[in-house]
Amino acid sequence: MNTLPKSERIRGKASVSALMSKGRWGFAQGLKYCYFRRTDADEALLPNRIMVSVPKRFFKRAVKRNLLKRRLREAYRTQKGTIPASGVDLMLLYNTNEIMDMDTVSREVASVLRKIGDEGQL
């Protein structure tokens, strides 16, 4: 199903700080990402969660930041089935000062998801 409910979004200071301190960092063209595999009691039922960020230093206007955050969330939402639901927390950071179109954002998010999926099978 291609929805992004609240249960699939990273919320809370503890979750964000655990992701940033324990997570593995990587780069794609125009994106920086961090991911962390949670290990809780029942791993089979843990959904993957996401957080997106567009820094204010690249785009001063909130309208442009919101546009890019919507594009990142939509690209993830349509391609989230490429990695199995195994409790992965993922943070996507927009890391360029150019506004990428939706096709480019979608391609980059797909490459990030492929990298995470490949590492999960090792």
C-alpha atoms as a PDB file:
ATOM      1  CA  MET A   1       0.000   0.000   0.000  1.00  0.00           C
ATOM      2  CA  ASN A   2       1.348   3.437  -0.920  1.00  0.00           C
ATOM      3  CA  THR A   3       0.469   5.510   2.116  1.00  0.00           C
ATOM      4  CA  LEU A   4       2.652   7.171   4.718  1.00  0.00           C
ATOM      5  CA  PRO A   5       0.805   7.017   8.053  1.00  0.00           C
ATOM      6  CA  LYS A   6       2.008   8.588  11.266  1.00  0.00           C
ATOM      7  CA  SER A   7       3.357   5.229  12.478  1.00  0.00           C
ATOM      8  CA  GLU A   8       5.888   5.313   9.606  1.00  0.00           C
ATOM      9  CA  ARG A   9       7.327   8.708  10.552  1.00  0.00           C
ATOM     10  CA  ILE A  10      10.097   9.230  13.080  1.00  0.00           C
ATOM     11  CA  ARG A  11       8.803  11.201  16.039  1.00  0.00           C
ATOM     12  CA  GLY A  12      10.361  12.142  19.323  1.00  0.00           C
ATOM     13  CA  LYS A  13      13.715  13.365  20.477  1.00  0.00           C
ATOM     14  CA  ALA A  14      14.883   9.921  21.636  1.00  0.00           C
ATOM     15  CA  SER A  15      14.258   8.314  18.228  1.00  0.00           C
ATOM     16  CA  VAL A  16      15.999  11.101  16.344  1.00  0.00           C
ATOM     17  CA  SER A  17      19.036  11.167  18.628  1.00  0.00           C
ATOM     18  CA  ALA A  18      19.353   7.353  18.511  1.00  0.00           C
ATOM     19  CA  LEU A  19      19.230   7.478  14.709  1.00  0.00           C
ATOM     20  CA  MET A  20      21.873  10.196  14.463  1.00  0.00           C
ATOM     21  CA  SER A  21      24.256   8.655  16.994  1.00  0.00           C
ATOM     22  CA  LYS A  22      23.978   4.946  16.087  1.00  0.00           C
ATOM     23  CA  GLY A  23      23.050   5.231  12.409  1.00  0.00           C
ATOM     24  CA  ARG A  24      25.177   4.652   9.342  1.00  0.00           C
ATOM     25  CA  TRP A  25      25.674   7.628   7.034  1.00  0.00           C
ATOM     26  CA  GLY A  26      25.856   7.661   3.277  1.00  0.00           C
ATOM     27  CA  PHE A  27      25.644   9.962   0.290  1.00  0.00           C
ATOM     28  CA  ALA A  28      23.764   9.982  -2.972  1.00  0.00           C
ATOM     29  CA  GLN A  29      23.858  12.765  -5.533  1.00  0.00           C
ATOM     30  CA  GLY A  30      22.158  15.691  -3.819  1.00  0.00           C
ATOM     31  CA  LEU A  31      21.131  13.639  -0.778  1.00  0.00           C
ATOM     32  CA  LYS A  32      22.733  12.661   2.480  1.00  0.00           C
ATOM     33  CA  TYR A  33      21.114   9.832   4.396  1.00  0.00           C
ATOM     34  CA  CYS A  34      21.384   8.057   7.703  1.00  0.00           C
ATOM     35  CA  TYR A  35      19.771   4.746   8.573  1.00  0.00           C
ATOM     36  CA  PHE A  36      19.589   2.519  11.601  1.00  0.00           C
ATOM     37  CA  ARG A  37      18.011  -0.919  12.047  1.00  0.00           C
ATOM     38  CA  ARG A  38      15.972  -1.011  15.245  1.00  0.00           C
ATOM     39  CA  THR A  39      16.014  -4.198  17.291  1.00  0.00           C
ATOM     40  CA  ASP A  40      12.931  -4.522  19.452  1.00  0.00           C
ATOM     41  CA  ALA A  41      11.122  -7.540  20.882  1.00  0.00           C
ATOM     42  CA  ASP A  42       9.072  -8.465  17.816  1.00  0.00           C
ATOM     43  CA  GLU A  43      11.073  -7.543  14.715  1.00  0.00           C
ATOM     44  CA  ALA A  44       8.566  -8.961  12.243  1.00  0.00           C
ATOM     45  CA  LEU A  45       5.982  -6.294  13.084  1.00  0.00           C
ATOM     46  CA  LEU A  46       8.242  -3.228  13.062  1.00  0.00           C
ATOM     47  CA  PRO A  47       7.474  -0.807  10.211  1.00  0.00           C
ATOM     48  CA  ASN A  48      10.176   1.205   8.506  1.00  0.00           C
ATOM     49  CA  ARG A  49      10.138   4.859   9.542  1.00  0.00           C
ATOM     50  CA  ILE A  50      11.333   7.978   7.742  1.00  0.00           C
ATOM     51  CA  MET A  51      12.292  11.571   8.456  1.00  0.00           C
ATOM     52  CA  VAL A  52      13.106  14.230   5.844  1.00  0.00           C
ATOM     53  CA  SER A  53      14.978  17.490   6.251  1.00  0.00           C
ATOM     54  CA  VAL A  54      15.846  20.416   4.002  1.00  0.00           C
ATOM     55  CA  PRO A  55      18.300  22.804   5.683  1.00  0.00           C
ATOM     56  CA  LYS A  56      17.526  26.482   5.948  1.00  0.00           C
ATOM     57  CA  ARG A  57      21.073  27.375   4.912  1.00  0.00           C
ATOM     58  CA  PHE A  58      20.351  26.125   1.361  1.00  0.00           C
ATOM     59  CA  PHE A  59      16.827  27.512   0.988  1.00  0.00           C
ATOM     60  CA  LYS A  60      15.854  30.552   3.016  1.00  0.00           C
ATOM     61  CA  ARG A  61      12.218  30.517   1.869  1.00  0.00           C
ATOM     62  CA  ALA A  62       9.954  28.013   3.617  1.00  0.00           C
ATOM     63  CA  VAL A  63       7.954  27.531   0.411  1.00  0.00           C
ATOM     64  CA  LYS A  64      10.938  25.967  -1.357  1.00  0.00           C
ATOM     65  CA  ARG A  65      11.900  23.864   1.669  1.00  0.00           C
ATOM     66  CA  ASN A  66       8.351  22.537   1.950  1.00  0.00           C
ATOM     67  CA  LEU A  67       8.258  21.750  -1.780  1.00  0.00           C
ATOM     68  CA  LEU A  68      11.421  19.686  -1.523  1.00  0.00           C
ATOM     69  CA  LYS A  69      10.244  17.900   1.627  1.00  0.00           C
ATOM     70  CA  ARG A  70       6.999  16.963  -0.139  1.00  0.00           C
ATOM     71  CA  ARG A  71       8.996  15.626  -3.090  1.00  0.00           C
ATOM     72  CA  LEU A  72      11.236  13.540  -0.814  1.00  0.00           C
ATOM     73  CA  ARG A  73       8.279  12.070   1.089  1.00  0.00           C
ATOM     74  CA  GLU A  74       6.391  11.301  -2.129  1.00  0.00           C
ATOM     75  CA  ALA A  75       9.424   9.619  -3.703  1.00  0.00           C
ATOM     76  CA  TYR A  76       9.853   7.468  -0.595  1.00  0.00           C
ATOM     77  CA  ARG A  77       6.131   6.718  -0.332  1.00  0.00           C
ATOM     78  CA  THR A  78       5.901   5.377  -3.876  1.00  0.00           C
ATOM     79  CA  GLN A  79       9.066   3.251  -3.547  1.00  0.00           C
ATOM     80  CA  LYS A  80       9.000   2.078   0.052  1.00  0.00           C
ATOM     81  CA  GLY A  81       8.115  -1.456  -1.037  1.00  0.00           C
ATOM     82  CA  THR A  82      11.649  -1.987  -2.362  1.00  0.00           C
ATOM     83  CA  ILE A  83      12.965  -2.636   1.158  1.00  0.00           C
ATOM     84  CA  PRO A  84      11.216  -5.117   3.455  1.00  0.00           C
ATOM     85  CA  ALA A  85       9.510  -3.869   6.621  1.00  0.00           C
ATOM     86  CA  SER A  86      12.217  -4.787   9.090  1.00  0.00           C
ATOM     87  CA  GLY A  87      12.377  -1.810  11.445  1.00  0.00           C
ATOM     88  CA  VAL A  88      14.659   0.551   9.540  1.00  0.00           C
ATOM     89  CA  ASP A  89      14.771   4.207  10.578  1.00  0.00           C
ATOM     90  CA  LEU A  90      15.793   6.422   7.655  1.00  0.00           C
ATOM     91  CA  MET A  91      16.627  10.109   7.548  1.00  0.00           C
ATOM     92  CA  LEU A  92      16.925  11.863   4.192  1.00  0.00           C
ATOM     93  CA  LEU A  93      18.746  15.208   4.132  1.00  0.00           C
ATOM     94  CA  TYR A  94      18.602  17.373   1.043  1.00  0.00           C
ATOM     95  CA  ASN A  95      22.232  18.327   0.471  1.00  0.00           C
ATOM     96  CA  THR A  96      22.413  20.679  -2.514  1.00  0.00           C
ATOM     97  CA  ASN A  97      21.358  24.240  -3.204  1.00  0.00           C
ATOM     98  CA  GLU A  98      19.667  23.384  -6.530  1.00  0.00           C
ATOM     99  CA  ILE A  99      15.998  22.492  -6.748  1.00  0.00           C
ATOM    100  CA  MET A 100      15.855  19.007  -8.271  1.00  0.00           C
ATOM    101  CA  ASP A 101      12.766  18.000 -10.219  1.00  0.00           C
ATOM    102  CA  MET A 102      10.580  15.111  -9.077  1.00  0.00           C
ATOM    103  CA  ASP A 103      12.143  12.568 -11.454  1.00  0.00           C
ATOM    104  CA  THR A 104      15.643  13.277 -10.160  1.00  0.00           C
ATOM    105  CA  VAL A 105      14.534  13.155  -6.525  1.00  0.00           C
ATOM    106  CA  SER A 106      12.743   9.872  -7.184  1.00  0.00           C
ATOM    107  CA  ARG A 107      15.849   8.369  -8.818  1.00  0.00           C
ATOM    108  CA  GLU A 108      18.077   9.400  -5.923  1.00  0.00           C
ATOM    109  CA  VAL A 109      15.684   8.061  -3.281  1.00  0.00           C
ATOM    110  CA  ALA A 110      15.495   4.796  -5.238  1.00  0.00           C
ATOM    111  CA  SER A 111      19.298   4.526  -5.207  1.00  0.00           C
ATOM    112  CA  VAL A 112      19.355   5.150  -1.436  1.00  0.00           C
ATOM    113  CA  LEU A 113      16.717   2.458  -0.865  1.00  0.00           C
ATOM    114  CA  ARG A 114      18.655   0.027  -3.059  1.00  0.00           C
ATOM    115  CA  LYS A 115      21.843   0.646  -1.051  1.00  0.00           C
ATOM    116  CA  ILE A 116      20.015   0.077   2.230  1.00  0.00           C
ATOM    117  CA  GLY A 117      18.331  -3.050   0.890  1.00  0.00           C
ATOM    118  CA  ASP A 118      21.645  -4.467  -0.368  1.00  0.00           C
ATOM    119  CA  GLU A 119      23.320  -3.933   2.999  1.00  0.00           C
ATOM    120  CA  GLY A 120      20.419  -5.606   4.778  1.00  0.00           C
ATOM    121  CA  GLN A 121      20.999  -8.855   2.906  1.00  0.00           C
ATOM    122  CA  LEU A 122      24.674  -9.120   3.874  1.00  0.00           C
END
